[in-house]
Amino acid sequence: MPTKKYTLNIEPVGDHLEVTIPEIGVTVATAGTTQREAEDAGMRAIIEHNMQKRRSRRRNTSQHQIKAS
């Protein structure tokens, strides 16, 4: 399976950081102020996005099987 690359744009906003991932159209605010915390928040957002995509594919596949029966 090919590796997908994501861009993390990290910007300071007030007393926290915001991470934007343009490939999935998500922006998350971090509670912390370190780059590591921002990277972790971005990684969690990407993982959650991929899990939701996988769940919706499974749902669509199972609905297809039910209609075919």
C-alpha atoms as a PDB file:
ATOM      1  CA  MET A   1       0.000   0.000   0.000  1.00  0.00           C
ATOM      2  CA  PRO A   2       1.491   3.383  -0.932  1.00  0.00           C
ATOM      3  CA  THR A   3       2.364   5.818   1.817  1.00  0.00           C
ATOM      4  CA  LYS A   4       0.272   8.981   1.932  1.00  0.00           C
ATOM      5  CA  LYS A   5       2.044  12.173   2.963  1.00  0.00           C
ATOM      6  CA  TYR A   6       0.368  14.902   4.995  1.00  0.00           C
ATOM      7  CA  THR A   7       1.356  18.510   5.640  1.00  0.00           C
ATOM      8  CA  LEU A   8       1.136  19.914   9.169  1.00  0.00           C
ATOM      9  CA  ASN A   9       0.935  23.705   9.280  1.00  0.00           C
ATOM     10  CA  ILE A  10       1.536  24.799  12.877  1.00  0.00           C
ATOM     11  CA  GLU A  11       0.705  28.374  13.884  1.00  0.00           C
ATOM     12  CA  PRO A  12       0.727  30.080  17.277  1.00  0.00           C
ATOM     13  CA  VAL A  13      -2.656  31.560  18.176  1.00  0.00           C
ATOM     14  CA  GLY A  14      -2.821  33.389  21.474  1.00  0.00           C
ATOM     15  CA  ASP A  15      -1.677  31.018  24.197  1.00  0.00           C
ATOM     16  CA  HIS A  16      -1.898  27.796  22.153  1.00  0.00           C
ATOM     17  CA  LEU A  17      -1.000  26.334  18.750  1.00  0.00           C
ATOM     18  CA  GLU A  18      -3.267  25.451  15.837  1.00  0.00           C
ATOM     19  CA  VAL A  19      -2.451  22.642  13.454  1.00  0.00           C
ATOM     20  CA  THR A  20      -3.947  22.607   9.961  1.00  0.00           C
ATOM     21  CA  ILE A  21      -3.808  19.533   7.727  1.00  0.00           C
ATOM     22  CA  PRO A  22      -4.805  20.743   4.239  1.00  0.00           C
ATOM     23  CA  GLU A  23      -5.014  17.255   2.701  1.00  0.00           C
ATOM     24  CA  ILE A  24      -7.985  16.385   4.917  1.00  0.00           C
ATOM     25  CA  GLY A  25      -9.298  19.912   5.558  1.00  0.00           C
ATOM     26  CA  VAL A  26      -8.924  19.809   9.334  1.00  0.00           C
ATOM     27  CA  THR A  27      -7.685  22.361  11.874  1.00  0.00           C
ATOM     28  CA  VAL A  28      -7.144  21.393  15.505  1.00  0.00           C
ATOM     29  CA  ALA A  29      -6.203  23.556  18.464  1.00  0.00           C
ATOM     30  CA  THR A  30      -3.723  22.173  20.970  1.00  0.00           C
ATOM     31  CA  ALA A  31      -3.858  22.646  24.712  1.00  0.00           C
ATOM     32  CA  GLY A  32      -0.083  22.909  24.860  1.00  0.00           C
ATOM     33  CA  THR A  33       2.440  25.235  23.342  1.00  0.00           C
ATOM     34  CA  THR A  34       5.196  22.889  22.150  1.00  0.00           C
ATOM     35  CA  GLN A  35       5.810  21.715  18.620  1.00  0.00           C
ATOM     36  CA  ARG A  36       5.711  18.097  19.812  1.00  0.00           C
ATOM     37  CA  GLU A  37       2.218  18.560  21.253  1.00  0.00           C
ATOM     38  CA  ALA A  38       1.081  20.140  17.980  1.00  0.00           C
ATOM     39  CA  GLU A  39       2.543  17.250  15.968  1.00  0.00           C
ATOM     40  CA  ASP A  40       0.803  14.742  18.246  1.00  0.00           C
ATOM     41  CA  ALA A  41      -2.538  16.540  17.820  1.00  0.00           C
ATOM     42  CA  GLY A  42      -2.080  16.544  14.041  1.00  0.00           C
ATOM     43  CA  MET A  43      -1.228  12.856  14.024  1.00  0.00           C
ATOM     44  CA  ARG A  44      -4.324  12.030  16.080  1.00  0.00           C
ATOM     45  CA  ALA A  45      -6.501  14.024  13.638  1.00  0.00           C
ATOM     46  CA  ILE A  46      -5.047  12.127  10.664  1.00  0.00           C
ATOM     47  CA  ILE A  47      -5.565   8.753  12.358  1.00  0.00           C
ATOM     48  CA  GLU A  48      -9.165   9.636  13.243  1.00  0.00           C
ATOM     49  CA  HIS A  49      -9.834  10.802   9.670  1.00  0.00           C
ATOM     50  CA  ASN A  50      -8.460   7.537   8.251  1.00  0.00           C
ATOM     51  CA  MET A  51     -10.484   5.453  10.719  1.00  0.00           C
ATOM     52  CA  GLN A  52     -13.690   7.271   9.742  1.00  0.00           C
ATOM     53  CA  LYS A  53     -12.969   6.667   6.060  1.00  0.00           C
ATOM     54  CA  ARG A  54     -12.404   2.985   6.770  1.00  0.00           C
ATOM     55  CA  ARG A  55     -15.634   2.716   8.795  1.00  0.00           C
ATOM     56  CA  SER A  56     -17.679   4.365   6.042  1.00  0.00           C
ATOM     57  CA  ARG A  57     -16.193   2.006   3.439  1.00  0.00           C
ATOM     58  CA  ARG A  58     -17.145  -0.980   5.596  1.00  0.00           C
ATOM     59  CA  ARG A  59     -20.649   0.387   6.081  1.00  0.00           C
ATOM     60  CA  ASN A  60     -21.087   0.886   2.336  1.00  0.00           C
ATOM     61  CA  THR A  61     -19.767  -2.600   1.592  1.00  0.00           C
ATOM     62  CA  SER A  62     -22.047  -4.279   4.130  1.00  0.00           C
ATOM     63  CA  GLN A  63     -25.090  -2.370   2.802  1.00  0.00           C
ATOM     64  CA  HIS A  64     -24.174  -3.538  -0.698  1.00  0.00           C
ATOM     65  CA  GLN A  65     -24.087  -7.146   0.488  1.00  0.00           C
ATOM     66  CA  ILE A  66     -27.468  -6.812   2.205  1.00  0.00           C
ATOM     67  CA  LYS A  67     -29.084  -5.448  -0.976  1.00  0.00           C
ATOM     68  CA  ALA A  68     -27.538  -8.231  -3.071  1.00  0.00           C
ATOM     69  CA  SER A  69     -29.053 -10.938  -0.804  1.00  0.00           C
END
